[in-house]
C-alpha atoms as a PDB file:
ATOM      1  CA  MET A   1      12.933  -9.230 -27.639  1.00  0.00           C
ATOM      2  CA  SER A   2      13.653  -5.878 -25.852  1.00  0.00           C
ATOM      3  CA  GLN A   3      10.285  -5.005 -26.147  1.00  0.00           C
ATOM      4  CA  LEU A   4       8.922  -8.990 -24.842  1.00  0.00           C
ATOM      5  CA  PHE A   5      10.407  -8.465 -21.512  1.00  0.00           C
ATOM      6  CA  PRO A   6       7.839  -6.965 -18.884  1.00  0.00           C
ATOM      7  CA  MET A   7      10.423  -4.941 -17.169  1.00  0.00           C
ATOM      8  CA  LYS A   8       7.532  -2.956 -15.682  1.00  0.00           C
ATOM      9  CA  GLN A   9       6.696  -6.223 -13.727  1.00  0.00           C
ATOM     10  CA  VAL A  10      10.401  -7.398 -12.956  1.00  0.00           C
ATOM     11  CA  LEU A  11      10.680  -4.166 -11.081  1.00  0.00           C
ATOM     12  CA  GLY A  12       7.695  -4.507  -9.137  1.00  0.00           C
ATOM     13  CA  PHE A  13       8.162  -7.524  -8.129  1.00  0.00           C
ATOM     14  CA  VAL A  14      11.865  -7.232  -7.251  1.00  0.00           C
ATOM     15  CA  PHE A  15      10.149  -3.451  -4.920  1.00  0.00           C
ATOM     16  CA  SER A  16       7.589  -6.080  -3.763  1.00  0.00           C
ATOM     17  CA  ILE A  17      10.252  -8.026  -2.064  1.00  0.00           C
ATOM     18  CA  LEU A  18      12.353  -5.297  -0.815  1.00  0.00           C
ATOM     19  CA  LEU A  19       9.406  -3.683   0.877  1.00  0.00           C
ATOM     20  CA  THR A  20       8.300  -7.196   2.536  1.00  0.00           C
ATOM     21  CA  THR A  21      12.339  -7.598   3.398  1.00  0.00           C
ATOM     22  CA  VAL A  22      11.731  -3.667   5.202  1.00  0.00           C
ATOM     23  CA  ALA A  23       8.422  -4.928   7.164  1.00  0.00           C
ATOM     24  CA  LEU A  24      10.098  -8.296   8.096  1.00  0.00           C
ATOM     25  CA  ALA A  25      13.065  -6.495   9.311  1.00  0.00           C
ATOM     26  CA  VAL A  26      11.075  -4.864  11.559  1.00  0.00           C
ATOM     27  CA  TYR A  27      10.129  -7.797  13.091  1.00  0.00           C
ATOM     28  CA  PHE A  28      13.871  -9.081  13.644  1.00  0.00           C
ATOM     29  CA  LEU A  29      15.034  -5.122  14.815  1.00  0.00           C
ATOM     30  CA  ASP A  30      14.243  -4.317  17.989  1.00  0.00           C
ATOM     31  CA  MET A  31      12.529  -0.990  18.082  1.00  0.00           C
ATOM     32  CA  SER A  32       9.717   0.860  19.496  1.00  0.00           C
ATOM     33  CA  PHE A  33       6.472   0.468  19.047  1.00  0.00           C
ATOM     34  CA  ALA A  34       5.946   3.838  17.272  1.00  0.00           C
ATOM     35  CA  ALA A  35       8.918   2.956  15.186  1.00  0.00           C
ATOM     36  CA  GLY A  36       7.488  -0.206  13.821  1.00  0.00           C
ATOM     37  CA  MET A  37       4.091   0.349  13.201  1.00  0.00           C
ATOM     38  CA  THR A  38       5.458   4.014  11.235  1.00  0.00           C
ATOM     39  CA  ILE A  39       7.154   1.908   9.137  1.00  0.00           C
ATOM     40  CA  LEU A  40       4.667  -1.043   8.646  1.00  0.00           C
ATOM     41  CA  LEU A  41       2.098   1.436   7.781  1.00  0.00           C
ATOM     42  CA  VAL A  42       4.159   3.666   4.787  1.00  0.00           C
ATOM     43  CA  THR A  43       5.229   0.113   3.557  1.00  0.00           C
ATOM     44  CA  ALA A  44       2.188  -1.143   3.453  1.00  0.00           C
ATOM     45  CA  PHE A  45       0.590   1.739   1.857  1.00  0.00           C
ATOM     46  CA  ILE A  46       3.380   1.882  -0.459  1.00  0.00           C
ATOM     47  CA  GLN A  47       3.214  -1.830  -1.846  1.00  0.00           C
ATOM     48  CA  ALA A  48      -0.762  -1.550  -1.979  1.00  0.00           C
ATOM     49  CA  GLY A  49       0.074   1.248  -4.755  1.00  0.00           C
ATOM     50  CA  LEU A  50       2.371  -0.457  -6.077  1.00  0.00           C
ATOM     51  CA  GLN A  51       0.161  -3.606  -6.594  1.00  0.00           C
ATOM     52  CA  LEU A  52      -2.497  -1.666  -7.788  1.00  0.00           C
ATOM     53  CA  VAL A  53      -0.588   0.271 -10.497  1.00  0.00           C
ATOM     54  CA  VAL A  54       1.808  -2.862 -12.158  1.00  0.00           C
ATOM     55  CA  PHE A  55       0.229  -5.788 -11.674  1.00  0.00           C
ATOM     56  CA  MET A  56      -3.543  -4.437 -11.679  1.00  0.00           C
ATOM     57  CA  HIS A  57      -2.724  -2.399 -14.450  1.00  0.00           C
ATOM     58  CA  ALA A  58      -4.806   0.683 -13.173  1.00  0.00           C
ATOM     59  CA  GLY A  59      -3.396   3.056 -15.217  1.00  0.00           C
ATOM     60  CA  GLU A  60      -3.358   1.684 -18.503  1.00  0.00           C
ATOM     61  CA  THR A  61      -6.853   1.743 -19.530  1.00  0.00           C
ATOM     62  CA  LYS A  62      -9.036   4.273 -20.825  1.00  0.00           C
ATOM     63  CA  ASP A  63     -10.969   5.514 -17.667  1.00  0.00           C
ATOM     64  CA  LYS A  64      -7.726   5.639 -14.918  1.00  0.00           C
ATOM     65  CA  GLY A  65      -9.382   8.124 -13.926  1.00  0.00           C
ATOM     66  CA  ALA A  66     -12.256   6.925 -12.417  1.00  0.00           C
ATOM     67  CA  ILE A  67     -10.057   4.249 -10.994  1.00  0.00           C
ATOM     68  CA  TYR A  68      -7.934   6.018  -9.120  1.00  0.00           C
ATOM     69  CA  THR A  69     -10.694   8.284  -7.765  1.00  0.00           C
ATOM     70  CA  ASN A  70     -12.789   5.217  -6.198  1.00  0.00           C
ATOM     71  CA  VAL A  71      -9.545   3.660  -4.981  1.00  0.00           C
ATOM     72  CA  PHE A  72      -9.108   7.374  -3.392  1.00  0.00           C
ATOM     73  CA  TYR A  73     -13.493   6.865  -2.353  1.00  0.00           C
ATOM     74  CA  GLY A  74     -12.459   3.776  -1.161  1.00  0.00           C
ATOM     75  CA  LEU A  75      -9.373   5.012   1.154  1.00  0.00           C
ATOM     76  CA  ILE A  76     -11.083   7.863   2.467  1.00  0.00           C
ATOM     77  CA  ILE A  77     -13.981   5.488   3.521  1.00  0.00           C
ATOM     78  CA  ALA A  78     -11.773   3.108   5.257  1.00  0.00           C
ATOM     79  CA  LEU A  79     -10.135   5.578   7.226  1.00  0.00           C
ATOM     80  CA  VAL A  80     -13.425   7.263   8.317  1.00  0.00           C
ATOM     81  CA  THR A  81     -14.968   3.914   9.280  1.00  0.00           C
ATOM     82  CA  VAL A  82     -11.812   2.519  11.374  1.00  0.00           C
ATOM     83  CA  PHE A  83     -11.086   6.399  12.981  1.00  0.00           C
ATOM     84  CA  GLY A  84     -15.105   6.609  13.422  1.00  0.00           C
ATOM     85  CA  THR A  85     -14.857   3.274  15.969  1.00  0.00           C
ATOM     86  CA  LEU A  86     -11.891   3.948  17.304  1.00  0.00           C
ATOM     87  CA  LEU A  87     -13.447   7.411  18.432  1.00  0.00           C
ATOM     88  CA  ALA A  88     -16.602   5.898  19.408  1.00  0.00           C
ATOM     89  CA  MET A  89     -15.415   2.650  21.615  1.00  0.00           C
ATOM     90  CA  ILE A  90     -12.052   3.766  22.547  1.00  0.00           C
ATOM     91  CA  TRP A  91     -11.368   6.947  22.837  1.00  0.00           C
ATOM     92  CA  ASP A  92     -15.142   7.163  24.210  1.00  0.00           C
ATOM     93  CA  MET A  93     -15.999  10.711  22.109  1.00  0.00           C
END
């Protein structure tokens, strides 16, 4: 019976709830902007990685290297787009 129980998914769900609680605590606690944004960004990236690995089963296929490489490249493109937009429009460079 223990082989049929999805322990990995249950622990992933509990950890997701914990990360959501930490992010919600940022709203209710009186934190500085920098501290709040740092906590929110860290919890968001951890939760995105957790969702990808545990619930989307990214590491359970034969081509997991290609999946992780595509996610990495997508993250690089997103960061270049965001920071390029900030450079051009806000920081005036």
